[in-house]
N, C-alpha and C. Protein backbone atom coordinates (compact mmCIF):
# COMPACT_ATOMS: atom_id res chain seq x y z
N MET A 1 0.89 -1.20 0.18
CA MET A 1 0.12 -0.04 -0.15
C MET A 1 0.91 1.08 0.02
N ARG A 2 2.05 1.13 0.87
CA ARG A 2 2.72 2.54 0.77
C ARG A 2 3.38 2.86 -0.62
N THR A 3 3.75 1.78 -1.26
CA THR A 3 4.68 1.82 -2.60
C THR A 3 3.50 2.61 -3.70
N VAL A 4 2.53 2.09 -3.46
CA VAL A 4 1.66 3.24 -4.12
C VAL A 4 1.07 4.32 -3.87
N VAL A 5 0.89 4.37 -2.82
CA VAL A 5 1.07 5.98 -2.10
C VAL A 5 1.95 6.58 -3.09
N ARG A 6 3.13 6.13 -2.19
CA ARG A 6 4.93 6.65 -2.97
C ARG A 6 4.18 7.10 -4.42
N HIS A 7 3.60 6.06 -5.19
CA HIS A 7 4.16 6.51 -7.05
C HIS A 7 2.12 7.43 -7.18
N LEU A 8 1.75 7.32 -6.23
CA LEU A 8 0.19 8.43 -6.35
C LEU A 8 1.02 9.74 -6.33
N VAL A 9 1.86 9.76 -4.80
CA VAL A 9 1.81 11.46 -4.94
C VAL A 9 2.77 12.47 -5.92
N PRO A 10 3.64 12.10 -6.62
CA PRO A 10 4.49 12.82 -7.55
C PRO A 10 3.26 12.90 -8.73
N ILE A 11 2.59 12.30 -9.30
CA ILE A 11 1.27 12.75 -10.18
C ILE A 11 0.46 13.46 -9.69
N ILE A 12 -0.13 13.38 -8.51
CA ILE A 12 -0.99 14.00 -7.72
C ILE A 12 -0.32 15.48 -7.74
N MET A 13 0.97 15.56 -7.33
CA MET A 13 1.66 17.15 -7.92
C MET A 13 1.75 17.32 -8.54
N VAL A 14 1.73 17.06 -9.49
CA VAL A 14 2.22 17.17 -11.05
C VAL A 14 0.90 17.93 -11.84
N VAL A 15 -0.46 16.95 -11.68
CA VAL A 15 -1.58 17.36 -11.81
C VAL A 15 -2.07 18.94 -11.14
N LEU A 16 -1.64 19.12 -9.78
CA LEU A 16 -1.97 19.99 -9.15
C LEU A 16 -1.24 21.78 -9.46
N ALA A 17 0.05 21.09 -9.90
CA ALA A 17 0.86 21.77 -10.01
C ALA A 17 0.50 22.33 -11.79
N SER A 18 0.13 21.72 -12.69
CA SER A 18 0.10 21.94 -14.01
C SER A 18 -2.01 23.46 -13.78
N MET A 19 -2.29 22.78 -13.25
CA MET A 19 -3.64 23.59 -12.70
C MET A 19 -3.36 24.79 -12.30
N ALA A 20 -2.60 24.75 -11.51
CA ALA A 20 -2.17 25.82 -10.84
C ALA A 20 -1.27 27.06 -11.93
N ALA A 21 -0.64 26.51 -12.26
CA ALA A 21 0.03 27.53 -13.30
C ALA A 21 -0.97 27.58 -14.75
N VAL A 22 -1.67 26.86 -15.01
CA VAL A 22 -3.21 27.68 -15.84
C VAL A 22 -4.14 28.37 -15.45
N THR A 23 -4.06 28.07 -14.41
CA THR A 23 -5.12 29.56 -13.15
C THR A 23 -4.25 30.39 -13.25
N ILE A 24 -2.86 30.62 -13.00
CA ILE A 24 -1.93 31.86 -13.04
C ILE A 24 -1.94 32.60 -14.40
N ALA A 25 -1.53 31.63 -15.11
CA ALA A 25 -1.51 32.17 -16.64
C ALA A 25 -2.33 32.62 -17.28
N THR A 26 -3.30 32.33 -17.11
CA THR A 26 -4.74 32.54 -18.12
C THR A 26 -6.10 33.54 -16.91
N PRO A 27 -5.76 34.56 -16.62
CA PRO A 27 -6.83 35.11 -16.24
C PRO A 27 -8.14 35.49 -16.27
N ALA A 28 -9.02 35.23 -15.46
CA ALA A 28 -10.42 34.73 -15.72
C ALA A 28 -11.28 35.77 -16.42
N VAL A 29 -11.75 35.29 -17.78
CA VAL A 29 -12.51 36.28 -18.18
C VAL A 29 -13.70 35.69 -18.43
N SER A 30 -15.08 36.15 -17.65
CA SER A 30 -16.15 35.83 -17.41
C SER A 30 -17.24 36.34 -17.01
N SER A 31 -18.13 36.36 -17.41
CA SER A 31 -19.71 37.08 -16.61
C SER A 31 -19.52 36.56 -15.51
N ALA A 32 -19.24 35.70 -14.76
CA ALA A 32 -19.42 35.77 -13.81
C ALA A 32 -19.09 37.01 -12.38
N GLU A 33 -17.97 37.79 -13.26
CA GLU A 33 -17.70 38.95 -12.30
C GLU A 33 -18.85 39.97 -12.94
N CYS A 34 -19.55 40.18 -13.45
CA CYS A 34 -20.85 41.39 -13.86
C CYS A 34 -21.76 41.22 -13.15
N ALA A 35 -22.23 42.64 -12.12
CA ALA A 35 -23.55 42.26 -11.45
C ALA A 35 -24.42 42.65 -11.85
N ASP A 36 -25.95 41.96 -11.65
CA ASP A 36 -26.93 41.94 -12.31
C ASP A 36 -27.34 42.98 -13.00
N GLY A 37 -27.47 42.66 -13.93
CA GLY A 37 -27.93 43.96 -15.06
C GLY A 37 -26.82 44.26 -15.82
N GLU A 38 -26.05 43.67 -15.91
CA GLU A 38 -24.91 44.11 -16.72
C GLU A 38 -24.72 42.85 -17.53
N TRP A 39 -23.91 42.72 -18.45
CA TRP A 39 -23.39 41.90 -19.36
C TRP A 39 -21.18 42.24 -19.35
N TRP A 40 -20.97 40.86 -19.86
CA TRP A 40 -19.95 41.02 -20.33
C TRP A 40 -19.10 41.17 -21.86
N ASP A 41 -18.72 42.22 -21.96
CA ASP A 41 -18.29 42.67 -23.05
C ASP A 41 -16.31 41.71 -23.87
N PRO A 42 -16.64 41.16 -24.02
CA PRO A 42 -15.23 40.52 -24.25
C PRO A 42 -14.36 41.29 -25.11
N THR A 43 -15.14 42.58 -26.19
CA THR A 43 -14.01 42.81 -27.01
C THR A 43 -13.05 43.83 -26.23
N GLY A 44 -14.19 44.89 -24.84
CA GLY A 44 -13.44 46.14 -24.24
C GLY A 44 -12.96 45.23 -22.93
N LYS A 45 -13.37 43.92 -22.78
CA LYS A 45 -12.94 43.24 -21.67
C LYS A 45 -13.50 43.56 -20.20
N VAL A 46 -14.87 44.49 -20.45
CA VAL A 46 -15.29 44.80 -19.19
C VAL A 46 -16.55 44.40 -19.28
N CYS A 47 -17.51 44.75 -17.83
CA CYS A 47 -18.59 44.40 -17.99
C CYS A 47 -19.08 45.99 -18.16
N ARG A 48 -20.69 45.34 -18.92
CA ARG A 48 -21.21 46.84 -19.40
C ARG A 48 -22.85 46.70 -18.80
N PRO A 49 -23.34 47.79 -18.54
CA PRO A 49 -24.59 48.07 -18.51
C PRO A 49 -25.95 47.22 -19.48
N LEU A 50 -27.04 46.58 -19.22
CA LEU A 50 -27.13 46.48 -20.45
C LEU A 50 -27.51 47.21 -21.54
N GLY A 51 -27.70 47.44 -22.71
CA GLY A 51 -28.24 48.31 -23.99
C GLY A 51 -26.80 49.10 -24.19
N VAL A 52 -25.99 49.26 -23.25
CA VAL A 52 -24.26 50.06 -23.30
C VAL A 52 -23.48 49.00 -24.29
N GLY A 53 -23.12 49.52 -25.05
CA GLY A 53 -21.58 49.13 -25.52
C GLY A 53 -21.85 48.76 -27.14
N PRO A 54 -21.10 48.33 -27.86
CA PRO A 54 -21.42 47.89 -29.35
C PRO A 54 -22.76 47.89 -29.59
N GLN A 55 -23.75 48.66 -30.39
CA GLN A 55 -24.63 48.39 -31.13
C GLN A 55 -24.68 47.84 -31.98
N PRO A 56 -25.44 47.43 -32.77
CA PRO A 56 -25.43 46.42 -34.32
C PRO A 56 -26.15 47.80 -34.84
N LEU A 57 -24.77 48.14 -36.64
CA LEU A 57 -25.43 48.69 -37.25
C LEU A 57 -25.94 48.92 -38.05
N ALA A 58 -26.90 49.25 -38.96
CA ALA A 58 -27.86 48.80 -39.87
C ALA A 58 -27.15 49.23 -41.31
N CYS A 59 -27.09 47.54 -41.36
CA CYS A 59 -26.40 47.14 -42.55
C CYS A 59 -27.19 47.12 -44.06
N GLU A 60 -26.56 47.35 -45.24
CA GLU A 60 -26.83 47.18 -46.33
C GLU A 60 -27.63 45.64 -46.84
N PRO A 61 -28.20 45.50 -47.21
CA PRO A 61 -28.44 43.77 -47.60
C PRO A 61 -27.20 43.65 -48.46
N GLY A 62 -26.48 42.27 -48.28
CA GLY A 62 -25.61 41.89 -49.22
C GLY A 62 -24.08 42.17 -47.87
N GLN A 63 -24.59 42.63 -46.07
CA GLN A 63 -23.51 43.07 -45.65
C GLN A 63 -23.58 42.16 -44.16
N TRP A 64 -22.82 42.19 -42.99
CA TRP A 64 -23.32 41.59 -42.03
C TRP A 64 -22.29 42.77 -40.93
N TRP A 65 -22.96 43.10 -39.88
CA TRP A 65 -22.16 43.61 -38.95
C TRP A 65 -20.77 42.44 -38.04
N ASP A 66 -20.11 43.04 -37.64
CA ASP A 66 -18.57 43.08 -37.61
C ASP A 66 -18.26 43.56 -36.26
N PRO A 67 -19.15 42.82 -34.84
CA PRO A 67 -18.83 43.74 -33.75
C PRO A 67 -17.75 44.00 -33.32
N THR A 68 -16.58 43.02 -33.79
CA THR A 68 -15.18 43.59 -33.17
C THR A 68 -14.94 44.29 -33.74
N ALA A 69 -14.96 45.06 -34.84
CA ALA A 69 -14.60 46.39 -35.39
C ALA A 69 -15.59 47.24 -35.59
N ASN A 70 -17.08 46.75 -35.06
CA ASN A 70 -18.52 48.28 -35.49
C ASN A 70 -18.14 48.21 -36.61
N VAL A 71 -18.14 47.66 -37.73
CA VAL A 71 -18.09 48.14 -39.39
C VAL A 71 -19.25 47.07 -39.97
N CYS A 72 -19.70 47.59 -40.72
CA CYS A 72 -20.77 46.95 -42.17
C CYS A 72 -19.20 45.91 -42.98
N ARG A 73 -19.65 44.65 -43.34
CA ARG A 73 -18.67 44.05 -44.06
C ARG A 73 -19.05 43.20 -45.26
N PRO A 74 -18.56 42.91 -46.09
CA PRO A 74 -19.39 42.34 -47.51
C PRO A 74 -19.54 41.05 -47.13
N LEU A 75 -20.61 40.04 -47.46
CA LEU A 75 -20.77 38.82 -46.97
C LEU A 75 -19.48 37.81 -47.64
N GLY A 76 -19.16 37.35 -46.62
CA GLY A 76 -18.08 36.31 -46.71
C GLY A 76 -16.79 37.16 -46.48
N VAL A 77 -16.70 38.48 -46.70
CA VAL A 77 -15.32 39.54 -45.84
C VAL A 77 -15.33 39.31 -44.62
N GLY A 78 -14.39 38.96 -43.62
CA GLY A 78 -14.41 39.31 -42.28
C GLY A 78 -13.10 38.88 -41.42
N PRO A 79 -13.10 39.28 -40.35
CA PRO A 79 -11.72 38.38 -40.03
C PRO A 79 -11.41 37.51 -40.07
N GLN A 80 -10.48 36.73 -40.69
CA GLN A 80 -9.62 35.75 -41.01
C GLN A 80 -8.93 34.74 -39.71
N PRO A 81 -9.51 33.56 -40.01
CA PRO A 81 -8.73 32.64 -38.64
C PRO A 81 -7.55 32.78 -38.90
N LEU A 82 -6.50 33.03 -38.06
CA LEU A 82 -5.03 32.95 -38.29
C LEU A 82 -4.80 31.29 -38.22
N ALA A 83 -3.39 31.09 -39.43
CA ALA A 83 -2.72 30.01 -39.24
C ALA A 83 -2.01 29.55 -38.17
N CYS A 84 -2.89 29.60 -36.27
CA CYS A 84 -2.06 29.13 -35.55
C CYS A 84 -1.47 27.87 -35.63
N ASP A 85 -0.33 27.63 -34.73
CA ASP A 85 0.79 26.42 -34.87
C ASP A 85 0.63 25.66 -33.50
N ASN A 86 0.73 24.78 -33.51
CA ASN A 86 0.77 23.65 -32.51
C ASN A 86 -0.36 23.84 -31.53
N GLY A 87 -1.07 24.05 -31.25
CA GLY A 87 -2.00 24.17 -30.17
C GLY A 87 -2.71 25.38 -29.95
N TRP A 88 -1.87 26.11 -30.41
CA TRP A 88 -2.39 27.50 -30.30
C TRP A 88 -3.55 27.97 -31.32
N TRP A 89 -4.24 29.07 -30.37
CA TRP A 89 -5.54 29.23 -31.00
C TRP A 89 -6.01 30.50 -31.42
N TRP A 90 -6.72 31.17 -32.44
CA TRP A 90 -6.76 32.15 -32.89
C TRP A 90 -8.06 32.88 -31.75
N ASP A 91 -7.53 34.06 -31.56
CA ASP A 91 -8.20 35.14 -31.11
C ASP A 91 -8.80 36.14 -31.55
N PRO A 92 -10.40 35.89 -32.46
CA PRO A 92 -10.87 36.91 -32.82
C PRO A 92 -11.32 38.39 -32.71
N ALA A 93 -11.08 38.49 -31.49
CA ALA A 93 -11.62 40.00 -31.16
C ALA A 93 -9.97 40.92 -31.29
N ALA A 94 -8.79 39.99 -31.30
CA ALA A 94 -7.35 40.58 -31.40
C ALA A 94 -7.27 40.20 -32.60
N ASN A 95 -7.74 39.26 -32.66
CA ASN A 95 -6.73 38.90 -34.87
C ASN A 95 -5.78 38.32 -34.13
N VAL A 96 -5.30 37.93 -33.16
CA VAL A 96 -3.78 36.95 -32.60
C VAL A 96 -3.68 35.32 -31.92
N CYS A 97 -3.05 34.78 -32.76
CA CYS A 97 -2.83 33.76 -31.91
C CYS A 97 -2.30 33.76 -30.58
N ARG A 98 -3.30 33.21 -29.74
CA ARG A 98 -3.05 32.83 -28.61
C ARG A 98 -2.29 31.31 -28.10
N PRO A 99 -1.79 31.17 -26.45
CA PRO A 99 -0.83 30.17 -26.23
C PRO A 99 -1.65 28.98 -25.89
N PRO A 100 -1.13 27.71 -25.85
CA PRO A 100 -2.83 26.85 -25.41
C PRO A 100 -3.29 27.28 -23.86
N LEU A 101 -4.06 26.90 -23.55
CA LEU A 101 -4.65 27.10 -22.01
C LEU A 101 -4.41 25.74 -21.17
N VAL A 102 -3.77 24.78 -21.75
CA VAL A 102 -3.14 24.15 -21.26
C VAL A 102 -1.69 23.53 -21.61
N PRO A 103 -0.97 23.56 -20.51
CA PRO A 103 0.68 23.48 -21.31
C PRO A 103 0.80 22.00 -21.72
N PRO A 104 1.94 22.43 -22.56
CA PRO A 104 2.33 20.84 -23.31
C PRO A 104 2.92 19.90 -22.50
N PRO A 105 2.74 18.37 -22.55
CA PRO A 105 3.57 17.96 -21.17
C PRO A 105 4.63 17.82 -21.61
N GLY A 106 5.59 17.85 -20.78
CA GLY A 106 7.00 17.88 -20.80
C GLY A 106 7.76 19.10 -20.43
């Protein structure tokens, strides 16, 4: 039994350390911090009162509203996903590649 525990302790420590690193490296960006009557604006990274913030534009037929830039764009034109490498992900609000949320093993 002691041998099993000795083998499990380092594994548990690695798991907890990686979870802590992810928590520290990626600050929370959620609506959980907003008060009642507010919504999370991921573009501005702030809580806004309901009805405040980017408002949809009255785009002409054949166009769509791009809320990240607050402009009307022709259909099929807009922010294109970047070719991110090795588990990185595309952040359309900033139009950049971001590192993986979970660090690679090793």
